Amino acid sequence: QVQLVESGGGLVRAGGSLRLSCAASRIIFSVAAMGWYRQAPGKQRELVATITSSGSTNYADSVKGRFTISRDNAKNTVYLQMNSLKAEDTAVYYCNAQGFRLMYDYWGQGTQVTVSS
């Protein structure tokens, strides 16, 4: 069992920035990808950004150019730098880690990001 713990959420003004962190409780082996998802009230959970074991990144169209996902392999930590935040970015953000061949699929408990207009 692996626990993913998110941090860095909070309340910010539109146009501001936040950096979310997701740390694993122990070393995770055979990680295919780690990523961030979010869910706003009344909305389905959506992909925000992912980073693969090879370093390839993928972003939702709504956050391209504003968000950056990165990873520190030594710390088993993934980050999401969020700039130029908009009210529409308000959501609970969840960290995810998937193993190759989907041998595992871990999720954090989520961290609230609220952007005031």
N, C-alpha and C. Protein backbone atom coordinates (compact mmCIF):
# COMPACT_ATOMS: atom_id res chain seq x y z
N GLN A 1 0.83 -1.19 0.00
CA GLN A 1 0.00 0.00 0.00
C GLN A 1 0.88 1.25 0.00
N VAL A 2 0.47 2.21 -0.77
CA VAL A 2 1.17 3.48 -0.88
C VAL A 2 0.19 4.60 -0.61
N GLN A 3 0.61 5.51 0.22
CA GLN A 3 -0.18 6.71 0.47
C GLN A 3 0.42 7.87 -0.30
N LEU A 4 -0.42 8.59 -1.00
CA LEU A 4 -0.02 9.81 -1.68
C LEU A 4 -0.60 10.98 -0.91
N VAL A 5 0.24 11.92 -0.57
CA VAL A 5 -0.18 13.05 0.25
C VAL A 5 0.06 14.33 -0.51
N GLU A 6 -1.01 15.05 -0.79
CA GLU A 6 -0.92 16.32 -1.49
C GLU A 6 -0.77 17.46 -0.49
N SER A 7 -0.13 18.50 -0.93
CA SER A 7 -0.01 19.71 -0.13
C SER A 7 0.12 20.90 -1.07
N GLY A 8 -0.09 22.07 -0.53
CA GLY A 8 0.11 23.28 -1.30
C GLY A 8 -1.16 23.96 -1.76
N GLY A 9 -2.30 23.33 -1.53
CA GLY A 9 -3.55 23.95 -1.93
C GLY A 9 -3.89 25.11 -1.02
N GLY A 10 -4.90 25.84 -1.42
CA GLY A 10 -5.32 26.97 -0.62
C GLY A 10 -6.16 27.93 -1.42
N LEU A 11 -6.30 29.11 -0.88
CA LEU A 11 -7.08 30.18 -1.49
C LEU A 11 -6.14 31.22 -2.08
N VAL A 12 -6.33 31.52 -3.35
CA VAL A 12 -5.50 32.51 -4.02
C VAL A 12 -6.37 33.42 -4.87
N ARG A 13 -5.83 34.57 -5.19
CA ARG A 13 -6.50 35.50 -6.07
C ARG A 13 -6.30 35.10 -7.52
N ALA A 14 -7.26 35.43 -8.35
CA ALA A 14 -7.10 35.20 -9.78
C ALA A 14 -5.83 35.88 -10.27
N GLY A 15 -5.11 35.17 -11.10
CA GLY A 15 -3.84 35.67 -11.59
C GLY A 15 -2.66 35.25 -10.74
N GLY A 16 -2.93 34.69 -9.59
CA GLY A 16 -1.88 34.26 -8.70
C GLY A 16 -1.37 32.87 -9.03
N SER A 17 -0.51 32.38 -8.16
CA SER A 17 0.14 31.10 -8.40
C SER A 17 0.11 30.23 -7.16
N LEU A 18 0.15 28.94 -7.39
CA LEU A 18 0.28 27.94 -6.34
C LEU A 18 1.14 26.82 -6.87
N ARG A 19 1.83 26.15 -5.98
CA ARG A 19 2.53 24.94 -6.34
C ARG A 19 2.05 23.81 -5.47
N LEU A 20 1.49 22.81 -6.09
CA LEU A 20 1.04 21.63 -5.39
C LEU A 20 2.15 20.58 -5.37
N SER A 21 2.22 19.86 -4.27
CA SER A 21 3.18 18.78 -4.14
C SER A 21 2.44 17.50 -3.79
N CYS A 22 2.97 16.40 -4.26
CA CYS A 22 2.42 15.08 -3.95
C CYS A 22 3.57 14.17 -3.62
N ALA A 23 3.62 13.73 -2.38
CA ALA A 23 4.70 12.88 -1.91
C ALA A 23 4.17 11.49 -1.59
N ALA A 24 4.89 10.49 -2.03
CA ALA A 24 4.54 9.11 -1.73
C ALA A 24 5.11 8.70 -0.38
N SER A 25 4.36 7.87 0.32
CA SER A 25 4.79 7.43 1.64
C SER A 25 5.99 6.51 1.60
N ARG A 26 6.23 5.91 0.47
CA ARG A 26 7.40 5.07 0.29
C ARG A 26 7.78 5.08 -1.17
N ILE A 27 8.93 4.55 -1.45
CA ILE A 27 9.38 4.46 -2.84
C ILE A 27 8.40 3.63 -3.65
N ILE A 28 8.05 4.14 -4.79
CA ILE A 28 7.15 3.43 -5.70
C ILE A 28 7.97 2.92 -6.87
N PHE A 29 7.83 1.65 -7.15
CA PHE A 29 8.57 1.04 -8.24
C PHE A 29 7.70 0.92 -9.48
N SER A 30 8.35 0.92 -10.61
CA SER A 30 7.70 0.71 -11.90
C SER A 30 6.57 1.69 -12.14
N VAL A 31 6.84 2.95 -11.88
CA VAL A 31 5.86 4.00 -12.11
C VAL A 31 5.81 4.31 -13.60
N ALA A 32 4.65 4.12 -14.17
CA ALA A 32 4.47 4.47 -15.58
C ALA A 32 4.21 5.96 -15.75
N ALA A 33 3.40 6.49 -14.85
CA ALA A 33 3.06 7.90 -14.94
C ALA A 33 2.55 8.40 -13.60
N MET A 34 2.78 9.65 -13.35
CA MET A 34 2.15 10.33 -12.24
C MET A 34 1.44 11.54 -12.78
N GLY A 35 0.40 11.93 -12.11
CA GLY A 35 -0.34 13.05 -12.63
C GLY A 35 -1.24 13.71 -11.63
N TRP A 36 -1.86 14.74 -12.12
CA TRP A 36 -2.82 15.50 -11.34
C TRP A 36 -4.16 15.51 -12.05
N TYR A 37 -5.20 15.32 -11.28
CA TYR A 37 -6.56 15.40 -11.74
C TYR A 37 -7.30 16.38 -10.85
N ARG A 38 -8.42 16.85 -11.31
CA ARG A 38 -9.20 17.76 -10.48
C ARG A 38 -10.68 17.51 -10.69
N GLN A 39 -11.43 17.88 -9.68
CA GLN A 39 -12.88 17.74 -9.74
C GLN A 39 -13.52 18.96 -9.09
N ALA A 40 -14.29 19.66 -9.88
CA ALA A 40 -15.04 20.80 -9.39
C ALA A 40 -16.46 20.35 -9.03
N PRO A 41 -17.14 21.09 -8.17
CA PRO A 41 -18.49 20.71 -7.79
C PRO A 41 -19.40 20.54 -9.01
N GLY A 42 -20.09 19.43 -9.06
CA GLY A 42 -21.00 19.18 -10.16
C GLY A 42 -20.32 18.75 -11.45
N LYS A 43 -19.02 18.59 -11.42
CA LYS A 43 -18.28 18.20 -12.61
C LYS A 43 -17.61 16.85 -12.41
N GLN A 44 -17.32 16.20 -13.51
CA GLN A 44 -16.60 14.94 -13.43
C GLN A 44 -15.11 15.22 -13.24
N ARG A 45 -14.43 14.25 -12.67
CA ARG A 45 -13.00 14.40 -12.49
C ARG A 45 -12.31 14.42 -13.85
N GLU A 46 -11.38 15.32 -14.01
CA GLU A 46 -10.71 15.48 -15.28
C GLU A 46 -9.20 15.48 -15.10
N LEU A 47 -8.54 15.05 -16.13
CA LEU A 47 -7.08 15.07 -16.15
C LEU A 47 -6.60 16.50 -16.26
N VAL A 48 -5.61 16.83 -15.46
CA VAL A 48 -4.97 18.14 -15.53
C VAL A 48 -3.62 18.03 -16.21
N ALA A 49 -2.78 17.15 -15.71
CA ALA A 49 -1.44 16.98 -16.26
C ALA A 49 -0.88 15.65 -15.83
N THR A 50 -0.07 15.05 -16.69
CA THR A 50 0.62 13.82 -16.37
C THR A 50 2.07 13.91 -16.80
N ILE A 51 2.89 13.12 -16.16
CA ILE A 51 4.29 13.00 -16.55
C ILE A 51 4.64 11.52 -16.51
N THR A 52 5.22 11.02 -17.57
CA THR A 52 5.56 9.61 -17.67
C THR A 52 6.95 9.35 -17.12
N SER A 53 7.29 8.07 -17.04
CA SER A 53 8.60 7.69 -16.55
C SER A 53 9.72 8.23 -17.43
N SER A 54 9.43 8.47 -18.68
CA SER A 54 10.42 9.01 -19.60
C SER A 54 10.49 10.53 -19.58
N GLY A 55 9.60 11.15 -18.84
CA GLY A 55 9.59 12.59 -18.74
C GLY A 55 8.63 13.30 -19.66
N SER A 56 7.90 12.55 -20.46
CA SER A 56 6.92 13.17 -21.33
C SER A 56 5.77 13.73 -20.51
N THR A 57 5.29 14.88 -20.91
CA THR A 57 4.20 15.52 -20.19
C THR A 57 2.99 15.67 -21.08
N ASN A 58 1.85 15.74 -20.44
CA ASN A 58 0.59 15.92 -21.13
C ASN A 58 -0.28 16.83 -20.28
N TYR A 59 -0.96 17.76 -20.94
CA TYR A 59 -1.78 18.73 -20.23
C TYR A 59 -3.16 18.83 -20.84
N ALA A 60 -4.11 19.11 -19.97
CA ALA A 60 -5.43 19.46 -20.47
C ALA A 60 -5.34 20.78 -21.21
N ASP A 61 -6.13 20.92 -22.25
CA ASP A 61 -6.10 22.15 -23.03
C ASP A 61 -6.36 23.38 -22.17
N SER A 62 -7.18 23.23 -21.17
CA SER A 62 -7.56 24.36 -20.34
C SER A 62 -6.43 24.91 -19.49
N VAL A 63 -5.36 24.13 -19.31
CA VAL A 63 -4.27 24.57 -18.45
C VAL A 63 -2.95 24.73 -19.19
N LYS A 64 -2.92 24.39 -20.46
CA LYS A 64 -1.69 24.50 -21.23
C LYS A 64 -1.18 25.94 -21.21
N GLY A 65 0.11 26.05 -20.99
CA GLY A 65 0.73 27.36 -20.93
C GLY A 65 0.68 28.01 -19.58
N ARG A 66 -0.11 27.45 -18.68
CA ARG A 66 -0.24 28.01 -17.34
C ARG A 66 0.27 27.08 -16.25
N PHE A 67 0.08 25.80 -16.44
CA PHE A 67 0.49 24.80 -15.45
C PHE A 67 1.69 24.03 -15.95
N THR A 68 2.53 23.62 -15.01
CA THR A 68 3.69 22.80 -15.33
C THR A 68 3.80 21.67 -14.33
N ILE A 69 3.88 20.45 -14.84
CA ILE A 69 4.07 19.30 -13.97
C ILE A 69 5.54 18.92 -13.99
N SER A 70 6.05 18.53 -12.85
CA SER A 70 7.43 18.10 -12.76
C SER A 70 7.55 17.00 -11.71
N ARG A 71 8.69 16.36 -11.69
CA ARG A 71 8.88 15.21 -10.82
C ARG A 71 10.27 15.20 -10.24
N ASP A 72 10.37 14.80 -9.00
CA ASP A 72 11.65 14.60 -8.34
C ASP A 72 11.70 13.12 -7.98
N ASN A 73 12.38 12.36 -8.80
CA ASN A 73 12.40 10.91 -8.60
C ASN A 73 13.02 10.51 -7.27
N ALA A 74 14.04 11.23 -6.85
CA ALA A 74 14.71 10.90 -5.60
C ALA A 74 13.79 11.05 -4.40
N LYS A 75 12.83 11.93 -4.52
CA LYS A 75 11.92 12.20 -3.41
C LYS A 75 10.55 11.56 -3.60
N ASN A 76 10.38 10.84 -4.69
CA ASN A 76 9.06 10.26 -4.99
C ASN A 76 7.97 11.32 -4.90
N THR A 77 8.25 12.44 -5.48
CA THR A 77 7.36 13.59 -5.38
C THR A 77 7.07 14.16 -6.77
N VAL A 78 5.83 14.51 -6.98
CA VAL A 78 5.43 15.18 -8.20
C VAL A 78 4.85 16.53 -7.83
N TYR A 79 5.09 17.51 -8.69
CA TYR A 79 4.66 18.87 -8.42
C TYR A 79 3.76 19.36 -9.55
N LEU A 80 2.95 20.31 -9.20
CA LEU A 80 2.16 21.02 -10.19
C LEU A 80 2.28 22.50 -9.91
N GLN A 81 3.02 23.18 -10.76
CA GLN A 81 3.14 24.62 -10.66
C GLN A 81 1.99 25.24 -11.44
N MET A 82 1.19 26.03 -10.76
CA MET A 82 0.01 26.63 -11.36
C MET A 82 0.17 28.14 -11.36
N ASN A 83 0.22 28.70 -12.54
CA ASN A 83 0.34 30.14 -12.71
C ASN A 83 -0.89 30.69 -13.40
N SER A 84 -1.04 31.99 -13.30
CA SER A 84 -2.16 32.67 -13.94
C SER A 84 -3.48 31.99 -13.63
N LEU A 85 -3.68 31.72 -12.37
CA LEU A 85 -4.87 30.98 -11.96
C LEU A 85 -6.14 31.75 -12.26
N LYS A 86 -7.15 30.99 -12.61
CA LYS A 86 -8.47 31.52 -12.92
C LYS A 86 -9.49 30.93 -11.96
N ALA A 87 -10.61 31.61 -11.83
CA ALA A 87 -11.67 31.10 -10.98
C ALA A 87 -12.11 29.71 -11.42
N GLU A 88 -12.04 29.45 -12.71
CA GLU A 88 -12.43 28.15 -13.25
C GLU A 88 -11.51 27.01 -12.82
N ASP A 89 -10.35 27.36 -12.27
CA ASP A 89 -9.42 26.35 -11.78
C ASP A 89 -9.82 25.84 -10.40
N THR A 90 -10.79 26.46 -9.79
CA THR A 90 -11.23 26.04 -8.47
C THR A 90 -11.72 24.59 -8.52
N ALA A 91 -11.14 23.76 -7.69
CA ALA A 91 -11.48 22.34 -7.67
C ALA A 91 -10.68 21.66 -6.57
N VAL A 92 -11.04 20.41 -6.33
CA VAL A 92 -10.19 19.55 -5.52
C VAL A 92 -9.21 18.88 -6.46
N TYR A 93 -7.95 18.98 -6.15
CA TYR A 93 -6.90 18.42 -6.99
C TYR A 93 -6.38 17.13 -6.37
N TYR A 94 -6.31 16.10 -7.19
CA TYR A 94 -5.90 14.78 -6.74
C TYR A 94 -4.62 14.35 -7.43
N CYS A 95 -3.75 13.76 -6.65
CA CYS A 95 -2.52 13.18 -7.18
C CYS A 95 -2.76 11.72 -7.52
N ASN A 96 -2.12 11.26 -8.57
CA ASN A 96 -2.29 9.89 -9.03
C ASN A 96 -0.96 9.30 -9.46
N ALA A 97 -0.78 8.02 -9.18
CA ALA A 97 0.39 7.29 -9.64
C ALA A 97 -0.08 5.96 -10.20
N GLN A 98 0.37 5.66 -11.41
CA GLN A 98 0.01 4.41 -12.07
C GLN A 98 1.25 3.61 -12.41
N GLY A 99 1.16 2.31 -12.15
CA GLY A 99 2.25 1.42 -12.51
C GLY A 99 2.12 0.94 -13.94
N PHE A 100 3.22 0.47 -14.46
CA PHE A 100 3.19 -0.12 -15.80
C PHE A 100 2.17 -1.24 -15.83
N ARG A 101 1.48 -1.31 -16.95
CA ARG A 101 0.44 -2.33 -17.15
C ARG A 101 -0.65 -2.21 -16.09
N LEU A 102 -0.76 -1.04 -15.51
CA LEU A 102 -1.76 -0.72 -14.49
C LEU A 102 -1.73 -1.74 -13.35
N MET A 103 -0.52 -2.08 -12.93
CA MET A 103 -0.40 -2.99 -11.80
C MET A 103 -0.87 -2.33 -10.51
N TYR A 104 -0.87 -1.01 -10.50
CA TYR A 104 -1.43 -0.29 -9.38
C TYR A 104 -1.93 1.05 -9.86
N ASP A 105 -2.79 1.64 -9.07
CA ASP A 105 -3.39 2.93 -9.39
C ASP A 105 -3.68 3.61 -8.07
N TYR A 106 -2.73 4.43 -7.63
CA TYR A 106 -2.85 5.07 -6.33
C TYR A 106 -3.38 6.48 -6.46
N TRP A 107 -4.16 6.88 -5.48
CA TRP A 107 -4.74 8.22 -5.45
C TRP A 107 -4.53 8.86 -4.10
N GLY A 108 -4.28 10.16 -4.11
CA GLY A 108 -4.24 10.92 -2.89
C GLY A 108 -5.65 11.31 -2.47
N GLN A 109 -5.75 11.92 -1.30
CA GLN A 109 -7.06 12.30 -0.79
C GLN A 109 -7.55 13.62 -1.35
N GLY A 110 -6.69 14.35 -2.00
CA GLY A 110 -7.08 15.60 -2.62
C GLY A 110 -6.74 16.81 -1.80
N THR A 111 -6.53 17.90 -2.47
CA THR A 111 -6.29 19.18 -1.81
C THR A 111 -7.11 20.25 -2.52
N GLN A 112 -7.74 21.09 -1.74
CA GLN A 112 -8.64 22.10 -2.28
C GLN A 112 -7.86 23.29 -2.80
N VAL A 113 -8.18 23.69 -4.01
CA VAL A 113 -7.65 24.91 -4.59
C VAL A 113 -8.84 25.81 -4.90
N THR A 114 -8.82 26.99 -4.32
CA THR A 114 -9.89 27.94 -4.55
C THR A 114 -9.29 29.23 -5.08
N VAL A 115 -9.80 29.68 -6.20
CA VAL A 115 -9.31 30.89 -6.84
C VAL A 115 -10.43 31.92 -6.83
N SER A 116 -10.18 33.03 -6.19
CA SER A 116 -11.17 34.09 -6.11
C SER A 116 -10.98 35.06 -7.26
N SER A 117 -12.08 35.52 -7.81
CA SER A 117 -12.03 36.43 -8.94
C SER A 117 -11.84 37.87 -8.50
